[in-house]
Structures are given as C-alpha cells and as structure tokens.
N, C-alpha and C. Protein backbone atom coordinates (compact mmCIF):
# COMPACT_ATOMS: atom_id res chain seq x y z
N UNK A 1 -8.94 31.99 5.36
CA UNK A 1 -10.34 32.44 5.74
C UNK A 1 -9.91 31.15 7.11
N UNK A 2 -10.66 31.78 8.17
CA UNK A 2 -10.44 31.18 9.22
C UNK A 2 -11.67 29.95 9.12
N UNK A 3 -12.26 28.93 9.18
CA UNK A 3 -12.86 27.78 9.53
C UNK A 3 -13.18 27.03 10.71
N UNK A 4 -14.04 26.11 10.99
CA UNK A 4 -14.12 25.05 12.10
C UNK A 4 -12.86 24.77 11.84
N UNK A 5 -12.16 23.93 12.95
CA UNK A 5 -11.16 22.57 13.08
C UNK A 5 -11.93 21.57 12.17
N UNK A 6 -13.08 21.04 12.35
CA UNK A 6 -13.60 19.87 12.05
C UNK A 6 -13.82 20.26 10.60
N UNK A 7 -13.16 21.02 10.13
CA UNK A 7 -13.25 20.83 8.35
C UNK A 7 -11.90 20.33 8.12
N UNK A 8 -11.53 20.41 8.50
CA UNK A 8 -10.01 19.21 8.39
C UNK A 8 -9.88 18.20 8.65
N UNK A 9 -10.91 17.32 9.26
CA UNK A 9 -11.23 16.00 9.53
C UNK A 9 -11.98 15.23 8.39
N UNK A 10 -12.41 16.04 7.43
CA UNK A 10 -13.67 15.68 6.65
C UNK A 10 -12.69 15.21 5.24
N UNK A 11 -13.01 13.87 5.04
CA UNK A 11 -11.86 13.40 3.58
C UNK A 11 -12.24 14.19 2.34
N UNK A 12 -10.79 14.58 1.81
CA UNK A 12 -11.08 14.86 0.52
C UNK A 12 -11.52 14.37 -0.68
N UNK A 13 -11.95 15.16 -1.71
CA UNK A 13 -12.16 14.51 -3.02
C UNK A 13 -11.55 14.97 -3.84
N UNK A 14 -10.55 13.92 -4.46
CA UNK A 14 -9.33 13.64 -5.50
C UNK A 14 -9.80 13.60 -6.83
N UNK A 15 -10.05 14.20 -7.91
CA UNK A 15 -10.04 14.00 -9.17
C UNK A 15 -8.73 13.90 -9.96
N UNK A 16 -8.74 13.16 -10.64
CA UNK A 16 -7.84 12.62 -11.69
C UNK A 16 -8.58 13.45 -12.86
N UNK A 17 -7.75 14.24 -13.99
CA UNK A 17 -8.01 14.57 -15.52
C UNK A 17 -6.98 14.69 -16.64
N UNK A 18 -7.08 13.72 -17.24
CA UNK A 18 -5.88 14.01 -18.28
C UNK A 18 -5.51 15.08 -18.74
N UNK A 19 -6.92 16.45 -19.09
CA UNK A 19 -6.86 17.84 -19.99
C UNK A 19 -5.97 18.89 -18.86
N UNK A 20 -6.41 18.61 -17.53
CA UNK A 20 -6.30 18.90 -16.66
C UNK A 20 -3.97 19.17 -16.64
N UNK A 21 -3.88 17.72 -16.58
CA UNK A 21 -2.50 17.68 -17.15
C UNK A 21 -1.63 17.83 -18.16
N UNK A 22 -2.55 17.69 -19.34
CA UNK A 22 -1.91 18.34 -20.71
C UNK A 22 -2.04 19.54 -20.62
N UNK A 23 -2.89 20.37 -20.06
CA UNK A 23 -2.86 21.88 -20.53
C UNK A 23 -1.81 22.53 -19.14
N UNK A 24 -1.52 21.59 -18.21
CA UNK A 24 -0.41 22.71 -17.35
C UNK A 24 -0.81 22.86 -16.13
N UNK A 25 -2.19 22.74 -15.53
CA UNK A 25 -3.04 22.65 -14.46
C UNK A 25 -2.42 22.96 -13.47
N UNK A 26 -1.78 21.52 -13.38
CA UNK A 26 -0.85 20.96 -12.50
C UNK A 26 0.00 20.19 -12.87
N UNK A 27 0.94 19.69 -12.04
CA UNK A 27 1.67 18.39 -12.54
C UNK A 27 1.43 17.28 -13.07
N UNK A 28 0.77 16.96 -11.86
CA UNK A 28 -0.32 15.43 -12.35
C UNK A 28 -1.49 15.03 -12.81
N UNK A 29 -2.43 16.49 -12.83
CA UNK A 29 -3.72 16.01 -13.42
C UNK A 29 -4.56 15.92 -12.18
N UNK A 30 -4.20 15.85 -11.19
CA UNK A 30 -4.94 15.72 -9.79
C UNK A 30 -5.43 16.63 -9.23
N UNK A 31 -6.77 16.77 -9.47
CA UNK A 31 -7.38 18.04 -8.29
C UNK A 31 -8.14 17.58 -7.46
N UNK A 32 -8.01 18.36 -6.14
CA UNK A 32 -8.27 18.08 -4.72
C UNK A 32 -9.88 19.24 -4.31
N UNK A 33 -10.37 18.75 -3.90
CA UNK A 33 -11.49 19.65 -3.61
C UNK A 33 -12.01 19.21 -1.53
N UNK A 34 -11.74 20.33 -1.04
CA UNK A 34 -11.94 19.85 0.41
C UNK A 34 -13.01 20.87 0.70
N UNK A 35 -13.69 20.10 1.96
CA UNK A 35 -15.08 20.38 2.30
C UNK A 35 -14.88 22.13 2.17
N UNK A 36 -14.10 22.71 2.79
CA UNK A 36 -13.85 23.89 2.94
C UNK A 36 -13.77 24.82 1.40
N UNK A 37 -13.46 23.95 0.73
CA UNK A 37 -13.52 24.78 -0.68
C UNK A 37 -15.04 24.76 -1.25
N UNK A 38 -15.39 23.57 -1.18
CA UNK A 38 -17.08 24.05 -1.24
C UNK A 38 -17.74 25.00 -0.31
N UNK A 39 -17.40 24.99 0.91
CA UNK A 39 -18.19 25.65 1.54
C UNK A 39 -17.45 27.37 1.12
N UNK A 40 -16.28 27.66 0.47
CA UNK A 40 -16.37 28.71 -0.17
C UNK A 40 -17.06 29.62 -0.83
N UNK A 41 -17.34 28.52 -1.76
CA UNK A 41 -17.95 28.20 -3.14
C UNK A 41 -19.82 28.29 -3.01
N UNK A 42 -20.12 27.30 -2.12
CA UNK A 42 -21.40 28.34 -1.33
C UNK A 42 -21.50 29.11 -1.25
N UNK A 43 -20.44 30.08 -0.35
CA UNK A 43 -20.50 31.11 0.52
C UNK A 43 -20.88 30.40 2.46
N UNK A 44 -21.31 29.31 2.35
CA UNK A 44 -22.03 29.32 3.53
C UNK A 44 -21.40 27.99 4.24
N UNK A 45 -21.75 27.08 5.06
CA UNK A 45 -21.87 25.69 5.28
C UNK A 45 -23.38 25.70 6.27
N UNK A 46 -24.06 24.47 5.72
CA UNK A 46 -24.92 24.52 5.99
C UNK A 46 -24.99 22.70 6.32
N UNK A 47 -26.45 22.10 6.43
CA UNK A 47 -26.84 20.57 6.68
C UNK A 47 -26.90 20.05 4.77
N UNK A 48 -27.76 20.79 4.13
CA UNK A 48 -27.52 20.87 2.89
C UNK A 48 -26.16 20.33 1.75
N UNK A 49 -25.17 21.77 1.92
CA UNK A 49 -24.09 21.28 1.75
C UNK A 49 -23.28 20.82 2.15
N UNK A 50 -23.12 20.23 3.47
CA UNK A 50 -22.30 18.81 3.96
C UNK A 50 -23.46 18.27 2.97
N UNK A 51 -24.17 17.94 3.45
CA UNK A 51 -25.04 16.51 3.00
C UNK A 51 -24.46 16.04 1.75
N UNK A 52 -25.03 17.43 0.20
CA UNK A 52 -24.44 17.20 -0.85
C UNK A 52 -22.96 16.96 -1.09
N UNK A 53 -22.06 17.16 -0.21
CA UNK A 53 -20.66 17.17 -0.23
C UNK A 53 -20.71 15.66 0.15
N UNK A 54 -21.38 15.24 1.42
CA UNK A 54 -21.18 13.44 1.49
C UNK A 54 -21.56 12.83 0.72
N UNK A 55 -22.67 12.81 -0.24
CA UNK A 55 -23.13 12.16 -0.60
C UNK A 55 -22.65 12.01 -2.58
N UNK A 56 -21.74 13.23 -2.09
CA UNK A 56 -20.93 13.02 -3.79
C UNK A 56 -19.79 12.19 -3.46
N UNK A 57 -19.84 12.46 -2.48
CA UNK A 57 -18.16 11.80 -1.56
C UNK A 57 -18.80 9.84 -1.45
N UNK A 58 -19.00 9.54 -1.37
CA UNK A 58 -20.13 8.11 -0.95
C UNK A 58 -20.58 8.03 -2.29
N UNK A 59 -20.82 8.34 -3.18
CA UNK A 59 -21.30 8.28 -4.57
C UNK A 59 -20.06 7.46 -5.09
N UNK A 60 -19.37 8.86 -5.21
CA UNK A 60 -17.65 8.37 -6.29
C UNK A 60 -17.05 7.41 -5.37
N UNK A 61 -17.23 6.98 -4.24
CA UNK A 61 -16.79 6.00 -3.69
C UNK A 61 -16.88 4.62 -4.13
N UNK A 62 -18.06 4.53 -4.29
CA UNK A 62 -19.14 3.29 -4.60
C UNK A 62 -18.82 3.22 -6.08
N UNK A 63 -18.98 4.43 -6.81
CA UNK A 63 -18.65 3.96 -8.46
C UNK A 63 -17.34 3.46 -8.66
N UNK A 64 -16.36 4.31 -8.06
CA UNK A 64 -15.08 3.98 -8.46
C UNK A 64 -14.21 3.69 -7.18
N UNK A 65 -14.19 2.12 -7.40
CA UNK A 65 -13.67 1.66 -6.47
C UNK A 65 -11.91 1.32 -6.91
N UNK A 66 -11.28 1.59 -7.54
CA UNK A 66 -9.66 1.26 -8.21
C UNK A 66 -8.95 2.24 -7.96
N UNK A 67 -7.67 2.05 -8.42
CA UNK A 67 -6.76 3.06 -8.27
C UNK A 67 -6.92 3.74 -9.04
N UNK A 68 -6.26 4.97 -9.15
CA UNK A 68 -5.81 5.84 -10.11
C UNK A 68 -4.86 5.40 -11.06
N UNK A 69 -5.23 5.28 -12.55
CA UNK A 69 -4.28 4.83 -13.25
C UNK A 69 -4.39 6.22 -14.51
N UNK A 70 -3.87 5.88 -15.38
CA UNK A 70 -3.67 6.86 -16.31
C UNK A 70 -5.03 7.23 -17.27
N UNK A 71 -6.00 7.43 -16.70
CA UNK A 71 -7.03 7.59 -17.19
C UNK A 71 -7.77 8.49 -16.95
N UNK A 72 -8.93 8.59 -17.01
CA UNK A 72 -9.83 9.51 -16.41
C UNK A 72 -10.99 8.88 -15.53
N UNK A 73 -10.11 8.64 -14.56
CA UNK A 73 -10.76 8.29 -12.89
C UNK A 73 -11.18 8.94 -11.77
N UNK A 74 -12.16 8.83 -11.03
CA UNK A 74 -12.51 9.62 -10.33
C UNK A 74 -12.17 9.22 -8.77
N UNK A 75 -11.54 9.03 -7.71
CA UNK A 75 -11.35 8.62 -6.66
C UNK A 75 -11.52 9.09 -5.63
N UNK A 76 -11.88 9.05 -4.39
CA UNK A 76 -12.09 9.77 -3.04
C UNK A 76 -10.74 9.03 -2.34
N UNK A 77 -10.24 10.54 -1.57
CA UNK A 77 -8.68 9.82 -0.35
C UNK A 77 -9.02 10.79 0.48
N UNK A 78 -8.61 9.87 2.07
CA UNK A 78 -8.78 10.20 2.96
C UNK A 78 -7.34 11.11 3.53
N UNK A 79 -7.58 11.89 3.99
CA UNK A 79 -6.62 13.48 4.54
C UNK A 79 -5.58 12.87 5.27
N UNK A 80 -4.50 12.53 5.17
CA UNK A 80 -3.44 11.97 6.09
C UNK A 80 -2.73 13.30 7.25
C-alpha cells in the first residue's frame, strides 16, 4: 500500500503479550502497531484517527514508563 512518507516518522506502539508468545504468534510475544496499520484498519486517515492514535500512544507512555519484562506490559518505542 502506498501512503505518505510522514507515516514512517510516527512512533510505533509495541505491546507484549504472554499469550501471543505461548500460542506461537511470533517468537517473542511482541506486537508492533504502526500508524499505517491503524489507517488500514480505519480505512482512511483523518484528524480523528490521528488524534486517537496519538492519545493512545501518550496514554500508554504515561501509564507504563517501565522496561518490558517477562509479563504483561505495554510499551511505546521510537522507530529507529
């Protein structure tokens, strides 16, 4: 899917889930959601979608200011 370049500059939301790891969804149980993923789910990009993504991101940063450990933590990581 072609999308604007600025989508790549937005921080991704990374979630750790024990169940994902246990069920073999991926190797380490980490799920990463980009703004482009959210736009695909919503079907479009608008101020409401962008605002909701940023509010969720900032809320998670405020609630979970810890390093990911082997348990159910949610983190936000900058894209490198």
